[in-house]
Amino acid sequence: MAFAGPMSDETGDHMQGVGLIIYRAPSLEAARALAEADPMHKSGARSFTLRRWMINEGSLNLSVGLSTKTVNLT
């Protein structure tokens, strides 16, 4: 899993109870296996729709210092 979190309504003011999970996987089938193994999906508490996403631009750099307990996001 790369990112996960709730999504707001169209006004941006209220969280709706729906969310978005972005998996980093080598194939759609591998992503489906990850989603199906999620405890919330396995229990039936949540359902999912799987889609491919092509990133056209942008970058994310994350550095985690385990011994220093620091996180740097640039």
PDB file of N, CA and C in Angstrom:
ATOM      1  N   MET A   1       0.847  -1.167   0.000  1.00  0.00           N
ATOM      2  CA  MET A   1       0.000   0.000   0.000  1.00  0.00           C
ATOM      3  C   MET A   1       0.897   1.235   0.000  1.00  0.00           C
ATOM      4  N   ALA A   2       0.610   2.155  -0.885  1.00  0.00           N
ATOM      5  CA  ALA A   2       1.383   3.396  -0.959  1.00  0.00           C
ATOM      6  C   ALA A   2       0.707   4.511  -0.167  1.00  0.00           C
ATOM      7  N   PHE A   3      -0.592   4.678  -0.366  1.00  0.00           N
ATOM      8  CA  PHE A   3      -1.344   5.747   0.296  1.00  0.00           C
ATOM      9  C   PHE A   3      -2.752   5.250   0.595  1.00  0.00           C
ATOM     10  N   ALA A   4      -3.363   5.786   1.645  1.00  0.00           N
ATOM     11  CA  ALA A   4      -4.746   5.447   1.963  1.00  0.00           C
ATOM     12  C   ALA A   4      -5.350   6.556   2.811  1.00  0.00           C
ATOM     13  N   GLY A   5      -6.645   6.788   2.634  1.00  0.00           N
ATOM     14  CA  GLY A   5      -7.316   7.773   3.460  1.00  0.00           C
ATOM     15  C   GLY A   5      -8.726   8.059   2.987  1.00  0.00           C
ATOM     16  N   PRO A   6      -9.504   8.739   3.830  1.00  0.00           N
ATOM     17  CA  PRO A   6     -10.887   9.069   3.493  1.00  0.00           C
ATOM     18  C   PRO A   6     -10.967  10.196   2.467  1.00  0.00           C
ATOM     19  N   MET A   7     -12.106  10.282   1.808  1.00  0.00           N
ATOM     20  CA  MET A   7     -12.347  11.339   0.817  1.00  0.00           C
ATOM     21  C   MET A   7     -13.532  12.188   1.254  1.00  0.00           C
ATOM     22  N   SER A   8     -13.483  13.460   0.894  1.00  0.00           N
ATOM     23  CA  SER A   8     -14.559  14.386   1.262  1.00  0.00           C
ATOM     24  C   SER A   8     -15.676  14.361   0.234  1.00  0.00           C
ATOM     25  N   ASP A   9     -16.749  15.049   0.569  1.00  0.00           N
ATOM     26  CA  ASP A   9     -17.804  15.282  -0.407  1.00  0.00           C
ATOM     27  C   ASP A   9     -17.313  16.329  -1.407  1.00  0.00           C
ATOM     28  N   GLU A  10     -18.172  16.714  -2.342  1.00  0.00           N
ATOM     29  CA  GLU A  10     -17.763  17.650  -3.394  1.00  0.00           C
ATOM     30  C   GLU A  10     -17.437  19.045  -2.877  1.00  0.00           C
ATOM     31  N   THR A  11     -17.959  19.418  -1.709  1.00  0.00           N
ATOM     32  CA  THR A  11     -17.653  20.746  -1.166  1.00  0.00           C
ATOM     33  C   THR A  11     -16.280  20.776  -0.514  1.00  0.00           C
ATOM     34  N   GLY A  12     -15.773  19.601  -0.142  1.00  0.00           N
ATOM     35  CA  GLY A  12     -14.504  19.525   0.560  1.00  0.00           C
ATOM     36  C   GLY A  12     -14.646  19.711   2.058  1.00  0.00           C
ATOM     37  N   ASP A  13     -15.866  19.918   2.528  1.00  0.00           N
ATOM     38  CA  ASP A  13     -16.100  20.199   3.945  1.00  0.00           C
ATOM     39  C   ASP A  13     -16.382  18.967   4.806  1.00  0.00           C
ATOM     40  N   HIS A  14     -16.926  17.915   4.211  1.00  0.00           N
ATOM     41  CA  HIS A  14     -17.377  16.765   4.998  1.00  0.00           C
ATOM     42  C   HIS A  14     -16.771  15.472   4.465  1.00  0.00           C
ATOM     43  N   MET A  15     -16.254  14.679   5.390  1.00  0.00           N
ATOM     44  CA  MET A  15     -15.742  13.365   5.012  1.00  0.00           C
ATOM     45  C   MET A  15     -16.941  12.445   4.844  1.00  0.00           C
ATOM     46  N   GLN A  16     -16.968  11.674   3.758  1.00  0.00           N
ATOM     47  CA  GLN A  16     -18.145  10.906   3.392  1.00  0.00           C
ATOM     48  C   GLN A  16     -18.177   9.470   3.899  1.00  0.00           C
ATOM     49  N   GLY A  17     -17.088   8.939   4.344  1.00  0.00           N
ATOM     50  CA  GLY A  17     -17.063   7.522   4.692  1.00  0.00           C
ATOM     51  C   GLY A  17     -16.577   6.659   3.548  1.00  0.00           C
ATOM     52  N   VAL A  18     -16.274   7.275   2.418  1.00  0.00           N
ATOM     53  CA  VAL A  18     -15.628   6.551   1.325  1.00  0.00           C
ATOM     54  C   VAL A  18     -14.148   6.906   1.359  1.00  0.00           C
ATOM     55  N   GLY A  19     -13.341   6.084   0.737  1.00  0.00           N
ATOM     56  CA  GLY A  19     -11.916   6.360   0.783  1.00  0.00           C
ATOM     57  C   GLY A  19     -11.206   5.909  -0.474  1.00  0.00           C
ATOM     58  N   LEU A  20      -9.929   6.139  -0.468  1.00  0.00           N
ATOM     59  CA  LEU A  20      -9.079   5.794  -1.601  1.00  0.00           C
ATOM     60  C   LEU A  20      -7.841   5.091  -1.065  1.00  0.00           C
ATOM     61  N   ILE A  21      -7.502   3.976  -1.655  1.00  0.00           N
ATOM     62  CA  ILE A  21      -6.272   3.261  -1.344  1.00  0.00           C
ATOM     63  C   ILE A  21      -5.488   3.133  -2.636  1.00  0.00           C
ATOM     64  N   ILE A  22      -4.230   3.502  -2.599  1.00  0.00           N
ATOM     65  CA  ILE A  22      -3.366   3.345  -3.765  1.00  0.00           C
ATOM     66  C   ILE A  22      -2.352   2.259  -3.444  1.00  0.00           C
ATOM     67  N   TYR A  23      -2.418   1.167  -4.202  1.00  0.00           N
ATOM     68  CA  TYR A  23      -1.471   0.073  -4.059  1.00  0.00           C
ATOM     69  C   TYR A  23      -0.365   0.226  -5.084  1.00  0.00           C
ATOM     70  N   ARG A  24       0.832  -0.114  -4.706  1.00  0.00           N
ATOM     71  CA  ARG A  24       1.930  -0.230  -5.661  1.00  0.00           C
ATOM     72  C   ARG A  24       2.102  -1.718  -5.893  1.00  0.00           C
ATOM     73  N   ALA A  25       1.774  -2.164  -7.104  1.00  0.00           N
ATOM     74  CA  ALA A  25       1.800  -3.590  -7.415  1.00  0.00           C
ATOM     75  C   ALA A  25       2.293  -3.795  -8.848  1.00  0.00           C
ATOM     76  N   PRO A  26       2.896  -4.938  -9.127  1.00  0.00           N
ATOM     77  CA  PRO A  26       3.417  -5.198 -10.469  1.00  0.00           C
ATOM     78  C   PRO A  26       2.348  -5.477 -11.513  1.00  0.00           C
ATOM     79  N   SER A  27       1.119  -5.778 -11.073  1.00  0.00           N
ATOM     80  CA  SER A  27       0.044  -6.073 -12.027  1.00  0.00           C
ATOM     81  C   SER A  27      -1.306  -5.796 -11.365  1.00  0.00           C
ATOM     82  N   LEU A  28      -2.333  -5.730 -12.198  1.00  0.00           N
ATOM     83  CA  LEU A  28      -3.688  -5.549 -11.692  1.00  0.00           C
ATOM     84  C   LEU A  28      -4.090  -6.744 -10.830  1.00  0.00           C
ATOM     85  N   GLU A  29      -3.666  -7.930 -11.231  1.00  0.00           N
ATOM     86  CA  GLU A  29      -3.981  -9.141 -10.476  1.00  0.00           C
ATOM     87  C   GLU A  29      -3.334  -9.096  -9.086  1.00  0.00           C
ATOM     88  N   ALA A  30      -2.101  -8.613  -9.007  1.00  0.00           N
ATOM     89  CA  ALA A  30      -1.417  -8.491  -7.712  1.00  0.00           C
ATOM     90  C   ALA A  30      -2.107  -7.457  -6.835  1.00  0.00           C
ATOM     91  N   ALA A  31      -2.549  -6.365  -7.431  1.00  0.00           N
ATOM     92  CA  ALA A  31      -3.287  -5.349  -6.674  1.00  0.00           C
ATOM     93  C   ALA A  31      -4.611  -5.910  -6.169  1.00  0.00           C
ATOM     94  N   ARG A  32      -5.278  -6.703  -6.990  1.00  0.00           N
ATOM     95  CA  ARG A  32      -6.543  -7.325  -6.569  1.00  0.00           C
ATOM     96  C   ARG A  32      -6.309  -8.254  -5.373  1.00  0.00           C
ATOM     97  N   ALA A  33      -5.221  -9.003  -5.405  1.00  0.00           N
ATOM     98  CA  ALA A  33      -4.903  -9.906  -4.290  1.00  0.00           C
ATOM     99  C   ALA A  33      -4.671  -9.108  -3.009  1.00  0.00           C
ATOM    100  N   LEU A  34      -3.983  -7.974  -3.111  1.00  0.00           N
ATOM    101  CA  LEU A  34      -3.772  -7.117  -1.946  1.00  0.00           C
ATOM    102  C   LEU A  34      -5.104  -6.602  -1.395  1.00  0.00           C
ATOM    103  N   ALA A  35      -5.958  -6.119  -2.291  1.00  0.00           N
ATOM    104  CA  ALA A  35      -7.254  -5.578  -1.869  1.00  0.00           C
ATOM    105  C   ALA A  35      -8.119  -6.665  -1.239  1.00  0.00           C
ATOM    106  N   GLU A  36      -8.141  -7.846  -1.834  1.00  0.00           N
ATOM    107  CA  GLU A  36      -8.962  -8.936  -1.307  1.00  0.00           C
ATOM    108  C   GLU A  36      -8.459  -9.413   0.056  1.00  0.00           C
ATOM    109  N   ALA A  37      -7.158  -9.249   0.329  1.00  0.00           N
ATOM    110  CA  ALA A  37      -6.588  -9.677   1.609  1.00  0.00           C
ATOM    111  C   ALA A  37      -6.787  -8.637   2.715  1.00  0.00           C
ATOM    112  N   ASP A  38      -7.214  -7.436   2.365  1.00  0.00           N
ATOM    113  CA  ASP A  38      -7.441  -6.379   3.361  1.00  0.00           C
ATOM    114  C   ASP A  38      -8.530  -6.837   4.323  1.00  0.00           C
ATOM    115  N   PRO A  39      -8.273  -6.772   5.632  1.00  0.00           N
ATOM    116  CA  PRO A  39      -9.272  -7.239   6.602  1.00  0.00           C
ATOM    117  C   PRO A  39     -10.644  -6.572   6.461  1.00  0.00           C
ATOM    118  N   MET A  40     -10.682  -5.299   6.121  1.00  0.00           N
ATOM    119  CA  MET A  40     -11.980  -4.615   5.963  1.00  0.00           C
ATOM    120  C   MET A  40     -12.750  -5.175   4.771  1.00  0.00           C
ATOM    121  N   HIS A  41     -12.049  -5.540   3.712  1.00  0.00           N
ATOM    122  CA  HIS A  41     -12.712  -6.111   2.538  1.00  0.00           C
ATOM    123  C   HIS A  41     -13.092  -7.564   2.808  1.00  0.00           C
ATOM    124  N   LYS A  42     -12.182  -8.313   3.457  1.00  0.00           N
ATOM    125  CA  LYS A  42     -12.460  -9.726   3.747  1.00  0.00           C
ATOM    126  C   LYS A  42     -13.676  -9.884   4.641  1.00  0.00           C
ATOM    127  N   SER A  43     -13.853  -8.961   5.580  1.00  0.00           N
ATOM    128  CA  SER A  43     -14.969  -9.066   6.526  1.00  0.00           C
ATOM    129  C   SER A  43     -16.293  -8.608   5.923  1.00  0.00           C
ATOM    130  N   GLY A  44     -16.224  -7.932   4.773  1.00  0.00           N
ATOM    131  CA  GLY A  44     -17.436  -7.401   4.162  1.00  0.00           C
ATOM    132  C   GLY A  44     -17.807  -6.017   4.673  1.00  0.00           C
ATOM    133  N   ALA A  45     -16.969  -5.442   5.550  1.00  0.00           N
ATOM    134  CA  ALA A  45     -17.253  -4.103   6.083  1.00  0.00           C
ATOM    135  C   ALA A  45     -17.105  -3.034   5.014  1.00  0.00           C
ATOM    136  N   ARG A  46     -16.259  -3.288   4.042  1.00  0.00           N
ATOM    137  CA  ARG A  46     -16.046  -2.354   2.935  1.00  0.00           C
ATOM    138  C   ARG A  46     -15.958  -3.157   1.638  1.00  0.00           C
ATOM    139  N   SER A  47     -16.257  -2.502   0.546  1.00  0.00           N
ATOM    140  CA  SER A  47     -16.086  -3.100  -0.775  1.00  0.00           C
ATOM    141  C   SER A  47     -15.092  -2.243  -1.550  1.00  0.00           C
ATOM    142  N   PHE A  48     -14.634  -2.738  -2.678  1.00  0.00           N
ATOM    143  CA  PHE A  48     -13.671  -1.962  -3.455  1.00  0.00           C
ATOM    144  C   PHE A  48     -13.943  -2.082  -4.944  1.00  0.00           C
ATOM    145  N   THR A  49     -13.504  -1.076  -5.661  1.00  0.00           N
ATOM    146  CA  THR A  49     -13.452  -1.066  -7.114  1.00  0.00           C
ATOM    147  C   THR A  49     -11.997  -0.845  -7.465  1.00  0.00           C
ATOM    148  N   LEU A  50     -11.470  -1.687  -8.303  1.00  0.00           N
ATOM    149  CA  LEU A  50     -10.054  -1.618  -8.649  1.00  0.00           C
ATOM    150  C   LEU A  50      -9.892  -0.961 -10.013  1.00  0.00           C
ATOM    151  N   ARG A  51      -8.985  -0.006 -10.103  1.00  0.00           N
ATOM    152  CA  ARG A  51      -8.697   0.680 -11.366  1.00  0.00           C
ATOM    153  C   ARG A  51      -7.200   0.879 -11.501  1.00  0.00           C
ATOM    154  N   ARG A  52      -6.724   0.900 -12.718  1.00  0.00           N
ATOM    155  CA  ARG A  52      -5.327   1.239 -12.976  1.00  0.00           C
ATOM    156  C   ARG A  52      -5.175   2.753 -12.889  1.00  0.00           C
ATOM    157  N   TRP A  53      -3.992   3.201 -12.532  1.00  0.00           N
ATOM    158  CA  TRP A  53      -3.693   4.629 -12.477  1.00  0.00           C
ATOM    159  C   TRP A  53      -2.341   4.846 -13.116  1.00  0.00           C
ATOM    160  N   MET A  54      -2.294   5.731 -14.098  1.00  0.00           N
ATOM    161  CA  MET A  54      -1.035   6.063 -14.758  1.00  0.00           C
ATOM    162  C   MET A  54      -0.607   7.437 -14.258  1.00  0.00           C
ATOM    163  N   ILE A  55       0.545   7.481 -13.617  1.00  0.00           N
ATOM    164  CA  ILE A  55       1.070   8.742 -13.107  1.00  0.00           C
ATOM    165  C   ILE A  55       1.794   9.453 -14.244  1.00  0.00           C
ATOM    166  N   ASN A  56       1.354  10.644 -14.588  1.00  0.00           N
ATOM    167  CA  ASN A  56       1.964  11.402 -15.682  1.00  0.00           C
ATOM    168  C   ASN A  56       3.070  12.331 -15.218  1.00  0.00           C
ATOM    169  N   GLU A  57       2.931  12.897 -14.039  1.00  0.00           N
ATOM    170  CA  GLU A  57       3.991  13.767 -13.541  1.00  0.00           C
ATOM    171  C   GLU A  57       3.942  13.844 -12.031  1.00  0.00           C
ATOM    172  N   GLY A  58       5.036  14.342 -11.481  1.00  0.00           N
ATOM    173  CA  GLY A  58       5.133  14.483 -10.039  1.00  0.00           C
ATOM    174  C   GLY A  58       6.196  13.556  -9.471  1.00  0.00           C
ATOM    175  N   SER A  59       6.566  13.822  -8.253  1.00  0.00           N
ATOM    176  CA  SER A  59       7.526  12.962  -7.568  1.00  0.00           C
ATOM    177  C   SER A  59       7.277  13.046  -6.069  1.00  0.00           C
ATOM    178  N   LEU A  60       7.734  12.048  -5.378  1.00  0.00           N
ATOM    179  CA  LEU A  60       7.594  11.978  -3.934  1.00  0.00           C
ATOM    180  C   LEU A  60       8.861  11.348  -3.386  1.00  0.00           C
ATOM    181  N   ASN A  61       9.472  12.023  -2.454  1.00  0.00           N
ATOM    182  CA  ASN A  61      10.652  11.486  -1.791  1.00  0.00           C
ATOM    183  C   ASN A  61      10.348  11.382  -0.308  1.00  0.00           C
ATOM    184  N   LEU A  62      10.552  10.209   0.240  1.00  0.00           N
ATOM    185  CA  LEU A  62      10.275   9.950   1.638  1.00  0.00           C
ATOM    186  C   LEU A  62      11.507   9.329   2.265  1.00  0.00           C
ATOM    187  N   SER A  63      11.930   9.899   3.374  1.00  0.00           N
ATOM    188  CA  SER A  63      13.064   9.375   4.117  1.00  0.00           C
ATOM    189  C   SER A  63      12.616   9.101   5.542  1.00  0.00           C
ATOM    190  N   VAL A  64      12.813   7.860   5.998  1.00  0.00           N
ATOM    191  CA  VAL A  64      12.422   7.467   7.341  1.00  0.00           C
ATOM    192  C   VAL A  64      13.674   7.058   8.106  1.00  0.00           C
ATOM    193  N   GLY A  65      13.952   7.756   9.194  1.00  0.00           N
ATOM    194  CA  GLY A  65      15.071   7.403  10.059  1.00  0.00           C
ATOM    195  C   GLY A  65      14.562   6.566  11.213  1.00  0.00           C
ATOM    196  N   LEU A  66      14.844   5.269  11.189  1.00  0.00           N
ATOM    197  CA  LEU A  66      14.311   4.392  12.217  1.00  0.00           C
ATOM    198  C   LEU A  66      14.918   4.688  13.590  1.00  0.00           C
ATOM    199  N   SER A  67      16.219   4.834  13.657  1.00  0.00           N
ATOM    200  CA  SER A  67      16.856   5.060  14.952  1.00  0.00           C
ATOM    201  C   SER A  67      16.610   6.481  15.454  1.00  0.00           C
ATOM    202  N   THR A  68      16.466   7.438  14.531  1.00  0.00           N
ATOM    203  CA  THR A  68      16.244   8.837  14.943  1.00  0.00           C
ATOM    204  C   THR A  68      14.761   9.170  15.060  1.00  0.00           C
ATOM    205  N   LYS A  69      13.904   8.252  14.613  1.00  0.00           N
ATOM    206  CA  LYS A  69      12.450   8.450  14.623  1.00  0.00           C
ATOM    207  C   LYS A  69      12.047   9.730  13.894  1.00  0.00           C
ATOM    208  N   THR A  70      12.638   9.919  12.693  1.00  0.00           N
ATOM    209  CA  THR A  70      12.327  11.090  11.894  1.00  0.00           C
ATOM    210  C   THR A  70      11.721  10.668  10.562  1.00  0.00           C
ATOM    211  N   VAL A  71      10.893  11.546  10.012  1.00  0.00           N
ATOM    212  CA  VAL A  71      10.318  11.342   8.695  1.00  0.00           C
ATOM    213  C   VAL A  71      10.462  12.651   7.933  1.00  0.00           C
ATOM    214  N   ASN A  72      11.019  12.575   6.731  1.00  0.00           N
ATOM    215  CA  ASN A  72      11.151  13.747   5.876  1.00  0.00           C
ATOM    216  C   ASN A  72      10.460  13.455   4.556  1.00  0.00           C
ATOM    217  N   LEU A  73       9.538  14.304   4.196  1.00  0.00           N
ATOM    218  CA  LEU A  73       8.797  14.178   2.947  1.00  0.00           C
ATOM    219  C   LEU A  73       9.086  15.404   2.107  1.00  0.00           C
ATOM    220  N   THR A  74       9.596  15.208   0.908  1.00  0.00           N
ATOM    221  CA  THR A  74       9.890  16.329   0.016  1.00  0.00           C
ATOM    222  C   THR A  74       9.232  16.121  -1.331  1.00  0.00           C
TER     223      THR A  74
END
